[in-house]
Amino acid sequence: MQDLFTALALVLVIEGVLWALFPGAMKRAVAHALGMEDQRLRALGLAAAGLGVFAVWLVRG
């Protein structure tokens, strides 16, 4: 459970840094996502989740 909370905290750190360093680009990315179809966002989300699971599998063995 500690690993899960650590991972979630790291997500917040990474997102916070991105918003702090590139606020204009992040606004454009959110605006672009709002214009996308739900099906495409869902597919990209599933692909990102799959890539994340694969990366954890590689790192953790």
PDB file of N, CA and C in Angstrom:
ATOM      1  N   MET A   1       0.816  -1.185   0.000  1.00  0.00           N
ATOM      2  CA  MET A   1       0.000   0.000   0.000  1.00  0.00           C
ATOM      3  C   MET A   1       0.870   1.263   0.000  1.00  0.00           C
ATOM      4  N   GLN A   2       2.002   1.170   0.657  1.00  0.00           N
ATOM      5  CA  GLN A   2       2.922   2.306   0.681  1.00  0.00           C
ATOM      6  C   GLN A   2       3.426   2.632  -0.723  1.00  0.00           C
ATOM      7  N   ASP A   3       3.676   1.595  -1.527  1.00  0.00           N
ATOM      8  CA  ASP A   3       4.121   1.821  -2.913  1.00  0.00           C
ATOM      9  C   ASP A   3       3.066   2.562  -3.722  1.00  0.00           C
ATOM     10  N   LEU A   4       1.807   2.230  -3.505  1.00  0.00           N
ATOM     11  CA  LEU A   4       0.722   2.892  -4.220  1.00  0.00           C
ATOM     12  C   LEU A   4       0.691   4.375  -3.884  1.00  0.00           C
ATOM     13  N   PHE A   5       0.763   4.703  -2.606  1.00  0.00           N
ATOM     14  CA  PHE A   5       0.743   6.109  -2.207  1.00  0.00           C
ATOM     15  C   PHE A   5       1.978   6.853  -2.697  1.00  0.00           C
ATOM     16  N   THR A   6       3.110   6.180  -2.717  1.00  0.00           N
ATOM     17  CA  THR A   6       4.328   6.789  -3.245  1.00  0.00           C
ATOM     18  C   THR A   6       4.159   7.091  -4.726  1.00  0.00           C
ATOM     19  N   ALA A   7       3.597   6.153  -5.469  1.00  0.00           N
ATOM     20  CA  ALA A   7       3.375   6.356  -6.906  1.00  0.00           C
ATOM     21  C   ALA A   7       2.416   7.519  -7.152  1.00  0.00           C
ATOM     22  N   LEU A   8       1.337   7.578  -6.387  1.00  0.00           N
ATOM     23  CA  LEU A   8       0.378   8.672  -6.552  1.00  0.00           C
ATOM     24  C   LEU A   8       1.016  10.021  -6.204  1.00  0.00           C
ATOM     25  N   ALA A   9       1.846  10.038  -5.176  1.00  0.00           N
ATOM     26  CA  ALA A   9       2.532  11.278  -4.810  1.00  0.00           C
ATOM     27  C   ALA A   9       3.489  11.707  -5.920  1.00  0.00           C
ATOM     28  N   LEU A  10       4.163  10.770  -6.544  1.00  0.00           N
ATOM     29  CA  LEU A  10       5.063  11.104  -7.640  1.00  0.00           C
ATOM     30  C   LEU A  10       4.303  11.646  -8.846  1.00  0.00           C
ATOM     31  N   VAL A  11       3.128  11.122  -9.093  1.00  0.00           N
ATOM     32  CA  VAL A  11       2.292  11.660 -10.171  1.00  0.00           C
ATOM     33  C   VAL A  11       1.972  13.125  -9.890  1.00  0.00           C
ATOM     34  N   LEU A  12       1.620  13.435  -8.651  1.00  0.00           N
ATOM     35  CA  LEU A  12       1.327  14.818  -8.285  1.00  0.00           C
ATOM     36  C   LEU A  12       2.553  15.712  -8.443  1.00  0.00           C
ATOM     37  N   VAL A  13       3.722  15.198  -8.065  1.00  0.00           N
ATOM     38  CA  VAL A  13       4.953  15.969  -8.215  1.00  0.00           C
ATOM     39  C   VAL A  13       5.210  16.264  -9.694  1.00  0.00           C
ATOM     40  N   ILE A  14       5.123  15.244 -10.522  1.00  0.00           N
ATOM     41  CA  ILE A  14       5.398  15.425 -11.953  1.00  0.00           C
ATOM     42  C   ILE A  14       4.398  16.390 -12.576  1.00  0.00           C
ATOM     43  N   GLU A  15       3.115  16.218 -12.271  1.00  0.00           N
ATOM     44  CA  GLU A  15       2.111  17.128 -12.831  1.00  0.00           C
ATOM     45  C   GLU A  15       2.312  18.541 -12.326  1.00  0.00           C
ATOM     46  N   GLY A  16       2.622  18.687 -11.063  1.00  0.00           N
ATOM     47  CA  GLY A  16       2.858  20.017 -10.507  1.00  0.00           C
ATOM     48  C   GLY A  16       4.030  20.716 -11.168  1.00  0.00           C
ATOM     49  N   VAL A  17       5.099  19.971 -11.415  1.00  0.00           N
ATOM     50  CA  VAL A  17       6.268  20.548 -12.078  1.00  0.00           C
ATOM     51  C   VAL A  17       5.913  20.968 -13.504  1.00  0.00           C
ATOM     52  N   LEU A  18       5.166  20.128 -14.201  1.00  0.00           N
ATOM     53  CA  LEU A  18       4.764  20.474 -15.570  1.00  0.00           C
ATOM     54  C   LEU A  18       3.914  21.741 -15.594  1.00  0.00           C
ATOM     55  N   TRP A  19       2.953  21.854 -14.666  1.00  0.00           N
ATOM     56  CA  TRP A  19       2.114  23.052 -14.621  1.00  0.00           C
ATOM     57  C   TRP A  19       2.929  24.278 -14.241  1.00  0.00           C
ATOM     58  N   ALA A  20       3.915  24.108 -13.347  1.00  0.00           N
ATOM     59  CA  ALA A  20       4.731  25.247 -12.915  1.00  0.00           C
ATOM     60  C   ALA A  20       5.663  25.723 -14.027  1.00  0.00           C
ATOM     61  N   LEU A  21       6.238  24.784 -14.773  1.00  0.00           N
ATOM     62  CA  LEU A  21       7.216  25.150 -15.803  1.00  0.00           C
ATOM     63  C   LEU A  21       6.582  25.530 -17.137  1.00  0.00           C
ATOM     64  N   PHE A  22       5.480  24.896 -17.482  1.00  0.00           N
ATOM     65  CA  PHE A  22       4.868  25.093 -18.799  1.00  0.00           C
ATOM     66  C   PHE A  22       3.362  25.334 -18.706  1.00  0.00           C
ATOM     67  N   PRO A  23       2.927  26.394 -18.028  1.00  0.00           N
ATOM     68  CA  PRO A  23       1.476  26.592 -17.864  1.00  0.00           C
ATOM     69  C   PRO A  23       0.736  26.783 -19.184  1.00  0.00           C
ATOM     70  N   GLY A  24       1.339  27.492 -20.136  1.00  0.00           N
ATOM     71  CA  GLY A  24       0.674  27.696 -21.425  1.00  0.00           C
ATOM     72  C   GLY A  24       0.499  26.401 -22.189  1.00  0.00           C
ATOM     73  N   ALA A  25       1.546  25.601 -22.222  1.00  0.00           N
ATOM     74  CA  ALA A  25       1.483  24.316 -22.927  1.00  0.00           C
ATOM     75  C   ALA A  25       0.480  23.373 -22.260  1.00  0.00           C
ATOM     76  N   MET A  26       0.429  23.402 -20.941  1.00  0.00           N
ATOM     77  CA  MET A  26      -0.516  22.529 -20.240  1.00  0.00           C
ATOM     78  C   MET A  26      -1.963  22.960 -20.517  1.00  0.00           C
ATOM     79  N   LYS A  27      -2.209  24.278 -20.571  1.00  0.00           N
ATOM     80  CA  LYS A  27      -3.553  24.760 -20.912  1.00  0.00           C
ATOM     81  C   LYS A  27      -3.942  24.314 -22.310  1.00  0.00           C
ATOM     82  N   ARG A  28      -2.985  24.421 -23.245  1.00  0.00           N
ATOM     83  CA  ARG A  28      -3.277  23.980 -24.621  1.00  0.00           C
ATOM     84  C   ARG A  28      -3.549  22.477 -24.667  1.00  0.00           C
ATOM     85  N   ALA A  29      -2.795  21.701 -23.887  1.00  0.00           N
ATOM     86  CA  ALA A  29      -3.001  20.250 -23.865  1.00  0.00           C
ATOM     87  C   ALA A  29      -4.387  19.910 -23.320  1.00  0.00           C
ATOM     88  N   VAL A  30      -4.799  20.603 -22.262  1.00  0.00           N
ATOM     89  CA  VAL A  30      -6.131  20.355 -21.697  1.00  0.00           C
ATOM     90  C   VAL A  30      -7.212  20.770 -22.697  1.00  0.00           C
ATOM     91  N   ALA A  31      -7.034  21.910 -23.347  1.00  0.00           N
ATOM     92  CA  ALA A  31      -8.008  22.361 -24.347  1.00  0.00           C
ATOM     93  C   ALA A  31      -8.094  21.361 -25.495  1.00  0.00           C
ATOM     94  N   HIS A  32      -6.947  20.832 -25.897  1.00  0.00           N
ATOM     95  CA  HIS A  32      -6.930  19.833 -26.971  1.00  0.00           C
ATOM     96  C   HIS A  32      -7.659  18.568 -26.529  1.00  0.00           C
ATOM     97  N   ALA A  33      -7.434  18.142 -25.296  1.00  0.00           N
ATOM     98  CA  ALA A  33      -8.107  16.943 -24.782  1.00  0.00           C
ATOM     99  C   ALA A  33      -9.613  17.154 -24.708  1.00  0.00           C
ATOM    100  N   LEU A  34     -10.039  18.358 -24.346  1.00  0.00           N
ATOM    101  CA  LEU A  34     -11.474  18.636 -24.278  1.00  0.00           C
ATOM    102  C   LEU A  34     -12.135  18.543 -25.647  1.00  0.00           C
ATOM    103  N   GLY A  35     -11.372  18.784 -26.698  1.00  0.00           N
ATOM    104  CA  GLY A  35     -11.917  18.709 -28.045  1.00  0.00           C
ATOM    105  C   GLY A  35     -11.900  17.317 -28.649  1.00  0.00           C
ATOM    106  N   MET A  36     -11.264  16.377 -27.980  1.00  0.00           N
ATOM    107  CA  MET A  36     -11.170  15.010 -28.515  1.00  0.00           C
ATOM    108  C   MET A  36     -12.434  14.215 -28.209  1.00  0.00           C
ATOM    109  N   GLU A  37     -12.678  13.238 -29.040  1.00  0.00           N
ATOM    110  CA  GLU A  37     -13.813  12.341 -28.808  1.00  0.00           C
ATOM    111  C   GLU A  37     -13.504  11.436 -27.617  1.00  0.00           C
ATOM    112  N   ASP A  38     -14.563  11.050 -26.892  1.00  0.00           N
ATOM    113  CA  ASP A  38     -14.396  10.194 -25.718  1.00  0.00           C
ATOM    114  C   ASP A  38     -13.708   8.878 -26.061  1.00  0.00           C
ATOM    115  N   GLN A  39     -14.075   8.318 -27.203  1.00  0.00           N
ATOM    116  CA  GLN A  39     -13.501   7.028 -27.613  1.00  0.00           C
ATOM    117  C   GLN A  39     -11.986   7.137 -27.762  1.00  0.00           C
ATOM    118  N   ARG A  40     -11.521   8.218 -28.358  1.00  0.00           N
ATOM    119  CA  ARG A  40     -10.079   8.394 -28.561  1.00  0.00           C
ATOM    120  C   ARG A  40      -9.359   8.612 -27.227  1.00  0.00           C
ATOM    121  N   LEU A  41      -9.952   9.423 -26.347  1.00  0.00           N
ATOM    122  CA  LEU A  41      -9.365   9.621 -25.021  1.00  0.00           C
ATOM    123  C   LEU A  41      -9.301   8.308 -24.242  1.00  0.00           C
ATOM    124  N   ARG A  42     -10.354   7.523 -24.357  1.00  0.00           N
ATOM    125  CA  ARG A  42     -10.389   6.234 -23.673  1.00  0.00           C
ATOM    126  C   ARG A  42      -9.276   5.320 -24.200  1.00  0.00           C
ATOM    127  N   ALA A  43      -9.095   5.289 -25.508  1.00  0.00           N
ATOM    128  CA  ALA A  43      -8.055   4.448 -26.100  1.00  0.00           C
ATOM    129  C   ALA A  43      -6.661   4.922 -25.677  1.00  0.00           C
ATOM    130  N   LEU A  44      -6.442   6.235 -25.685  1.00  0.00           N
ATOM    131  CA  LEU A  44      -5.143   6.764 -25.246  1.00  0.00           C
ATOM    132  C   LEU A  44      -4.899   6.485 -23.767  1.00  0.00           C
ATOM    133  N   GLY A  45      -5.946   6.598 -22.950  1.00  0.00           N
ATOM    134  CA  GLY A  45      -5.823   6.294 -21.525  1.00  0.00           C
ATOM    135  C   GLY A  45      -5.481   4.841 -21.282  1.00  0.00           C
ATOM    136  N   LEU A  46      -6.140   3.946 -22.009  1.00  0.00           N
ATOM    137  CA  LEU A  46      -5.847   2.516 -21.867  1.00  0.00           C
ATOM    138  C   LEU A  46      -4.438   2.194 -22.349  1.00  0.00           C
ATOM    139  N   ALA A  47      -4.004   2.842 -23.424  1.00  0.00           N
ATOM    140  CA  ALA A  47      -2.643   2.626 -23.919  1.00  0.00           C
ATOM    141  C   ALA A  47      -1.622   3.120 -22.896  1.00  0.00           C
ATOM    142  N   ALA A  48      -1.871   4.283 -22.291  1.00  0.00           N
ATOM    143  CA  ALA A  48      -0.963   4.814 -21.278  1.00  0.00           C
ATOM    144  C   ALA A  48      -0.922   3.902 -20.054  1.00  0.00           C
ATOM    145  N   ALA A  49      -2.078   3.404 -19.641  1.00  0.00           N
ATOM    146  CA  ALA A  49      -2.130   2.495 -18.499  1.00  0.00           C
ATOM    147  C   ALA A  49      -1.373   1.200 -18.808  1.00  0.00           C
ATOM    148  N   GLY A  50      -1.565   0.671 -20.005  1.00  0.00           N
ATOM    149  CA  GLY A  50      -0.848  -0.541 -20.399  1.00  0.00           C
ATOM    150  C   GLY A  50       0.656  -0.329 -20.429  1.00  0.00           C
ATOM    151  N   LEU A  51       1.070   0.814 -20.953  1.00  0.00           N
ATOM    152  CA  LEU A  51       2.495   1.135 -20.972  1.00  0.00           C
ATOM    153  C   LEU A  51       3.040   1.266 -19.551  1.00  0.00           C
ATOM    154  N   GLY A  52       2.267   1.862 -18.671  1.00  0.00           N
ATOM    155  CA  GLY A  52       2.677   1.984 -17.274  1.00  0.00           C
ATOM    156  C   GLY A  52       2.810   0.640 -16.589  1.00  0.00           C
ATOM    157  N   VAL A  53       1.855  -0.251 -16.827  1.00  0.00           N
ATOM    158  CA  VAL A  53       1.933  -1.597 -16.249  1.00  0.00           C
ATOM    159  C   VAL A  53       3.163  -2.324 -16.778  1.00  0.00           C
ATOM    160  N   PHE A  54       3.436  -2.191 -18.057  1.00  0.00           N
ATOM    161  CA  PHE A  54       4.610  -2.819 -18.654  1.00  0.00           C
ATOM    162  C   PHE A  54       5.897  -2.266 -18.034  1.00  0.00           C
ATOM    163  N   ALA A  55       5.947  -0.944 -17.838  1.00  0.00           N
ATOM    164  CA  ALA A  55       7.140  -0.320 -17.244  1.00  0.00           C
ATOM    165  C   ALA A  55       7.349  -0.807 -15.814  1.00  0.00           C
ATOM    166  N   VAL A  56       6.278  -0.896 -15.038  1.00  0.00           N
ATOM    167  CA  VAL A  56       6.396  -1.409 -13.661  1.00  0.00           C
ATOM    168  C   VAL A  56       6.865  -2.864 -13.686  1.00  0.00           C
ATOM    169  N   TRP A  57       6.338  -3.628 -14.606  1.00  0.00           N
ATOM    170  CA  TRP A  57       6.739  -5.038 -14.727  1.00  0.00           C
ATOM    171  C   TRP A  57       8.236  -5.145 -15.043  1.00  0.00           C
ATOM    172  N   LEU A  58       8.719  -4.282 -15.949  1.00  0.00           N
ATOM    173  CA  LEU A  58      10.145  -4.302 -16.291  1.00  0.00           C
ATOM    174  C   LEU A  58      11.011  -3.917 -15.093  1.00  0.00           C
ATOM    175  N   VAL A  59      10.593  -2.881 -14.378  1.00  0.00           N
ATOM    176  CA  VAL A  59      11.396  -2.386 -13.259  1.00  0.00           C
ATOM    177  C   VAL A  59      11.346  -3.331 -12.068  1.00  0.00           C
ATOM    178  N   ARG A  60      10.170  -3.820 -11.750  1.00  0.00           N
ATOM    179  CA  ARG A  60       9.987  -4.660 -10.568  1.00  0.00           C
ATOM    180  C   ARG A  60      10.284  -6.138 -10.813  1.00  0.00           C
ATOM    181  N   GLY A  61      10.263  -6.540 -12.076  1.00  0.00           N
ATOM    182  CA  GLY A  61      10.559  -7.929 -12.397  1.00  0.00           C
ATOM    183  C   GLY A  61       9.412  -8.795 -12.089  1.00  0.00           C
TER     184      GLY A  61
END
